[in-house]
Amino acid sequence: MDNLSKFSERLDEIMFEHQTSVSELAKAIGTTKMTVYRYISKKRTPELFYLIKISDYYNCSLDFLLGITDNNNMTSFKSTANFSERFKRILEKYHTTEYFLHKSTGISRSVLYAWLSDNKLPSLDSLIKLSSYFDCSIDFLVGREN
């Protein structure tokens, strides 16, 4: 199952468990009903901003929301740090260069540069690749946990 399918299935499941309508979720995260329908029907990948809003709304980790773990450690998370700054600190902490990260994950150098220059946020697929590469949670990557 691909990453979008896992996310769509988990979102549908969590909405059902919390008895949340598409309209309620759309209003809570500041998007349209059509966008939420597209998430559920695997037609649209959410941006990091909306992933975090959904995770906050349901008080669950990003890893749970993305289907990486089945353990929903309901907890409160810190507000997210600027991804560019967080990414620089992670590279330093793990003593990893952009070049080596590119070679190991297949994430293009231009995308890595865009993250470092604060011109772009990582996609769902890239977050999962980074999480696997650094052996950490996605919540750690985006600064929601230490």
C-alpha atoms as a PDB file:
ATOM      1  CA  MET A   1       0.000   0.000   0.000  1.00  0.00           C
ATOM      2  CA  ASP A   2       1.415   3.410  -0.917  1.00  0.00           C
ATOM      3  CA  ASN A   3       1.743   6.353   1.473  1.00  0.00           C
ATOM      4  CA  LEU A   4      -1.296   8.222   0.166  1.00  0.00           C
ATOM      5  CA  SER A   5      -3.444   5.087   0.507  1.00  0.00           C
ATOM      6  CA  LYS A   6      -2.288   4.578   4.105  1.00  0.00           C
ATOM      7  CA  PHE A   7      -3.057   8.201   4.951  1.00  0.00           C
ATOM      8  CA  SER A   8      -6.476   8.090   3.235  1.00  0.00           C
ATOM      9  CA  GLU A   9      -7.442   4.898   5.031  1.00  0.00           C
ATOM     10  CA  ARG A  10      -6.302   6.208   8.413  1.00  0.00           C
ATOM     11  CA  LEU A  11      -8.091   9.540   7.900  1.00  0.00           C
ATOM     12  CA  ASP A  12     -11.317   7.775   6.980  1.00  0.00           C
ATOM     13  CA  GLU A  13     -10.945   5.520  10.039  1.00  0.00           C
ATOM     14  CA  ILE A  14     -10.245   8.347  12.474  1.00  0.00           C
ATOM     15  CA  MET A  15     -13.085  10.470  11.092  1.00  0.00           C
ATOM     16  CA  PHE A  16     -15.448   7.524  11.561  1.00  0.00           C
ATOM     17  CA  GLU A  17     -14.240   6.871  15.125  1.00  0.00           C
ATOM     18  CA  HIS A  18     -14.680  10.534  16.076  1.00  0.00           C
ATOM     19  CA  GLN A  19     -17.935  10.837  14.108  1.00  0.00           C
ATOM     20  CA  THR A  20     -16.556  13.796  12.194  1.00  0.00           C
ATOM     21  CA  SER A  21     -18.221  14.900   8.988  1.00  0.00           C
ATOM     22  CA  VAL A  22     -16.248  16.097   6.000  1.00  0.00           C
ATOM     23  CA  SER A  23     -17.705  19.573   6.554  1.00  0.00           C
ATOM     24  CA  GLU A  24     -16.597  19.636  10.199  1.00  0.00           C
ATOM     25  CA  LEU A  25     -13.048  18.576   9.377  1.00  0.00           C
ATOM     26  CA  ALA A  26     -12.781  20.997   6.457  1.00  0.00           C
ATOM     27  CA  LYS A  27     -13.905  23.886   8.663  1.00  0.00           C
ATOM     28  CA  ALA A  28     -11.589  22.843  11.528  1.00  0.00           C
ATOM     29  CA  ILE A  29      -8.470  22.743   9.354  1.00  0.00           C
ATOM     30  CA  GLY A  30      -9.346  25.689   7.130  1.00  0.00           C
ATOM     31  CA  THR A  31      -9.866  24.023   3.792  1.00  0.00           C
ATOM     32  CA  THR A  32     -12.747  23.009   1.534  1.00  0.00           C
ATOM     33  CA  LYS A  33     -14.968  19.937   1.719  1.00  0.00           C
ATOM     34  CA  MET A  34     -13.736  19.007  -1.754  1.00  0.00           C
ATOM     35  CA  THR A  35     -10.142  18.930  -0.528  1.00  0.00           C
ATOM     36  CA  VAL A  36     -11.054  16.617   2.362  1.00  0.00           C
ATOM     37  CA  TYR A  37     -12.998  14.386  -0.051  1.00  0.00           C
ATOM     38  CA  ARG A  38      -9.888  14.241  -2.253  1.00  0.00           C
ATOM     39  CA  TYR A  39      -7.753  13.221   0.735  1.00  0.00           C
ATOM     40  CA  ILE A  40     -10.150  10.409   1.612  1.00  0.00           C
ATOM     41  CA  SER A  41     -10.504   9.214  -1.988  1.00  0.00           C
ATOM     42  CA  LYS A  42      -6.698   9.125  -2.534  1.00  0.00           C
ATOM     43  CA  LYS A  43      -6.835  11.860  -5.158  1.00  0.00           C
ATOM     44  CA  ARG A  44      -4.824  14.460  -3.284  1.00  0.00           C
ATOM     45  CA  THR A  45      -1.835  14.356  -0.983  1.00  0.00           C
ATOM     46  CA  PRO A  46      -2.101  16.826   1.880  1.00  0.00           C
ATOM     47  CA  GLU A  47       0.577  19.438   2.374  1.00  0.00           C
ATOM     48  CA  LEU A  48       2.531  19.364   5.639  1.00  0.00           C
ATOM     49  CA  PHE A  49       0.541  22.348   6.953  1.00  0.00           C
ATOM     50  CA  TYR A  50      -2.736  20.399   6.639  1.00  0.00           C
ATOM     51  CA  LEU A  51      -1.248  17.150   7.936  1.00  0.00           C
ATOM     52  CA  ILE A  52      -0.301  18.983  11.128  1.00  0.00           C
ATOM     53  CA  LYS A  53      -3.721  20.636  11.391  1.00  0.00           C
ATOM     54  CA  ILE A  54      -5.457  17.257  11.037  1.00  0.00           C
ATOM     55  CA  SER A  55      -3.095  15.672  13.553  1.00  0.00           C
ATOM     56  CA  ASP A  56      -3.722  18.502  16.019  1.00  0.00           C
ATOM     57  CA  TYR A  57      -7.486  18.285  15.498  1.00  0.00           C
ATOM     58  CA  TYR A  58      -7.519  14.576  16.340  1.00  0.00           C
ATOM     59  CA  ASN A  59      -4.740  14.836  18.925  1.00  0.00           C
ATOM     60  CA  CYS A  60      -2.673  12.111  17.278  1.00  0.00           C
ATOM     61  CA  SER A  61       0.873  11.811  16.028  1.00  0.00           C
ATOM     62  CA  LEU A  62       1.733  12.342  12.392  1.00  0.00           C
ATOM     63  CA  ASP A  63       3.136   8.808  12.329  1.00  0.00           C
ATOM     64  CA  PHE A  64      -0.263   7.444  13.394  1.00  0.00           C
ATOM     65  CA  LEU A  65      -2.119   9.653  10.919  1.00  0.00           C
ATOM     66  CA  LEU A  66       0.150   8.491   8.091  1.00  0.00           C
ATOM     67  CA  GLY A  67      -0.240   4.818   8.997  1.00  0.00           C
ATOM     68  CA  ILE A  68       3.417   4.363   9.935  1.00  0.00           C
ATOM     69  CA  THR A  69       2.449   3.171  13.407  1.00  0.00           C
ATOM     70  CA  ASP A  70      -0.748   1.754  14.818  1.00  0.00           C
ATOM     71  CA  ASN A  71       0.070   3.121  18.249  1.00  0.00           C
ATOM     72  CA  ASN A  72      -1.828   6.358  18.774  1.00  0.00           C
ATOM     73  CA  ASN A  73      -0.044   7.924  21.691  1.00  0.00           C
ATOM     74  CA  MET A  74      -2.585  10.631  22.360  1.00  0.00           C
ATOM     75  CA  THR A  75      -0.458  13.432  23.650  1.00  0.00           C
ATOM     76  CA  SER A  76       0.111  17.095  23.157  1.00  0.00           C
ATOM     77  CA  PHE A  77       2.776  18.282  20.791  1.00  0.00           C
ATOM     78  CA  LYS A  78       4.808  21.452  20.602  1.00  0.00           C
ATOM     79  CA  SER A  79       3.996  23.902  17.876  1.00  0.00           C
ATOM     80  CA  THR A  80       6.069  23.180  14.840  1.00  0.00           C
ATOM     81  CA  ALA A  81       9.362  24.872  14.274  1.00  0.00           C
ATOM     82  CA  ASN A  82      10.336  26.495  11.013  1.00  0.00           C
ATOM     83  CA  PHE A  83      11.125  23.426   8.893  1.00  0.00           C
ATOM     84  CA  SER A  84      14.189  24.974   7.281  1.00  0.00           C
ATOM     85  CA  GLU A  85      15.811  25.630  10.665  1.00  0.00           C
ATOM     86  CA  ARG A  86      14.710  22.260  12.033  1.00  0.00           C
ATOM     87  CA  PHE A  87      16.123  20.459   8.992  1.00  0.00           C
ATOM     88  CA  LYS A  88      19.491  22.220   9.344  1.00  0.00           C
ATOM     89  CA  ARG A  89      19.685  21.138  13.014  1.00  0.00           C
ATOM     90  CA  ILE A  90      18.794  17.553  12.103  1.00  0.00           C
ATOM     91  CA  LEU A  91      21.510  17.424   9.439  1.00  0.00           C
ATOM     92  CA  GLU A  92      24.015  18.696  12.013  1.00  0.00           C
ATOM     93  CA  LYS A  93      22.810  16.331  14.733  1.00  0.00           C
ATOM     94  CA  TYR A  94      23.120  13.280  12.487  1.00  0.00           C
ATOM     95  CA  HIS A  95      26.340  14.511  10.834  1.00  0.00           C
ATOM     96  CA  THR A  96      24.777  14.163   7.402  1.00  0.00           C
ATOM     97  CA  THR A  97      25.428  16.237   4.326  1.00  0.00           C
ATOM     98  CA  GLU A  98      22.869  17.180   1.706  1.00  0.00           C
ATOM     99  CA  TYR A  99      24.844  15.187  -0.848  1.00  0.00           C
ATOM    100  CA  PHE A 100      24.819  11.999   1.224  1.00  0.00           C
ATOM    101  CA  LEU A 101      21.140  12.426   2.053  1.00  0.00           C
ATOM    102  CA  HIS A 102      20.382  12.850  -1.656  1.00  0.00           C
ATOM    103  CA  LYS A 103      22.354   9.707  -2.555  1.00  0.00           C
ATOM    104  CA  SER A 104      20.786   7.644   0.248  1.00  0.00           C
ATOM    105  CA  THR A 105      17.137   8.689  -0.153  1.00  0.00           C
ATOM    106  CA  GLY A 106      16.813   9.686  -3.800  1.00  0.00           C
ATOM    107  CA  ILE A 107      15.401  13.074  -2.786  1.00  0.00           C
ATOM    108  CA  SER A 108      16.642  15.549  -5.382  1.00  0.00           C
ATOM    109  CA  ARG A 109      19.301  18.067  -4.463  1.00  0.00           C
ATOM    110  CA  SER A 110      17.084  20.915  -5.660  1.00  0.00           C
ATOM    111  CA  VAL A 111      14.321  19.816  -3.250  1.00  0.00           C
ATOM    112  CA  LEU A 112      16.824  19.603  -0.373  1.00  0.00           C
ATOM    113  CA  TYR A 113      18.065  23.087  -1.260  1.00  0.00           C
ATOM    114  CA  ALA A 114      14.477  24.406  -1.358  1.00  0.00           C
ATOM    115  CA  TRP A 115      13.865  23.020   2.160  1.00  0.00           C
ATOM    116  CA  LEU A 116      17.071  24.572   3.474  1.00  0.00           C
ATOM    117  CA  SER A 117      16.244  27.950   1.908  1.00  0.00           C
ATOM    118  CA  ASP A 118      12.725  27.879   3.329  1.00  0.00           C
ATOM    119  CA  ASN A 119      11.175  27.874  -0.155  1.00  0.00           C
ATOM    120  CA  LYS A 120       9.330  24.575   0.138  1.00  0.00           C
ATOM    121  CA  LEU A 121       8.028  22.091   2.699  1.00  0.00           C
ATOM    122  CA  PRO A 122       8.545  18.348   2.311  1.00  0.00           C
ATOM    123  CA  SER A 123       5.875  16.176   0.744  1.00  0.00           C
ATOM    124  CA  LEU A 124       4.299  13.225   2.501  1.00  0.00           C
ATOM    125  CA  ASP A 125       6.606  10.818   0.631  1.00  0.00           C
ATOM    126  CA  SER A 126       9.695  12.848   1.484  1.00  0.00           C
ATOM    127  CA  LEU A 127       8.749  13.009   5.168  1.00  0.00           C
ATOM    128  CA  ILE A 128       8.445   9.248   5.247  1.00  0.00           C
ATOM    129  CA  LYS A 129      11.807   8.809   3.501  1.00  0.00           C
ATOM    130  CA  LEU A 130      13.461  11.189   5.976  1.00  0.00           C
ATOM    131  CA  SER A 131      11.829   9.459   8.924  1.00  0.00           C
ATOM    132  CA  SER A 132      13.133   6.118   7.730  1.00  0.00           C
ATOM    133  CA  TYR A 133      16.602   7.470   6.936  1.00  0.00           C
ATOM    134  CA  PHE A 134      17.044   9.174  10.320  1.00  0.00           C
ATOM    135  CA  ASP A 135      15.123   6.415  12.154  1.00  0.00           C
ATOM    136  CA  CYS A 136      12.892   8.928  13.898  1.00  0.00           C
ATOM    137  CA  SER A 137       9.259   9.956  14.010  1.00  0.00           C
ATOM    138  CA  ILE A 138       7.807  12.468  11.607  1.00  0.00           C
ATOM    139  CA  ASP A 139       6.745  14.520  14.614  1.00  0.00           C
ATOM    140  CA  PHE A 140      10.437  14.770  15.543  1.00  0.00           C
ATOM    141  CA  LEU A 141      11.337  15.836  12.000  1.00  0.00           C
ATOM    142  CA  VAL A 142       8.896  18.736  12.016  1.00  0.00           C
ATOM    143  CA  GLY A 143       9.736  19.800  15.582  1.00  0.00           C
ATOM    144  CA  ARG A 144       6.566  18.659  17.347  1.00  0.00           C
ATOM    145  CA  GLU A 145       8.595  16.472  19.726  1.00  0.00           C
ATOM    146  CA  ASN A 146      12.205  16.371  20.899  1.00  0.00           C
END
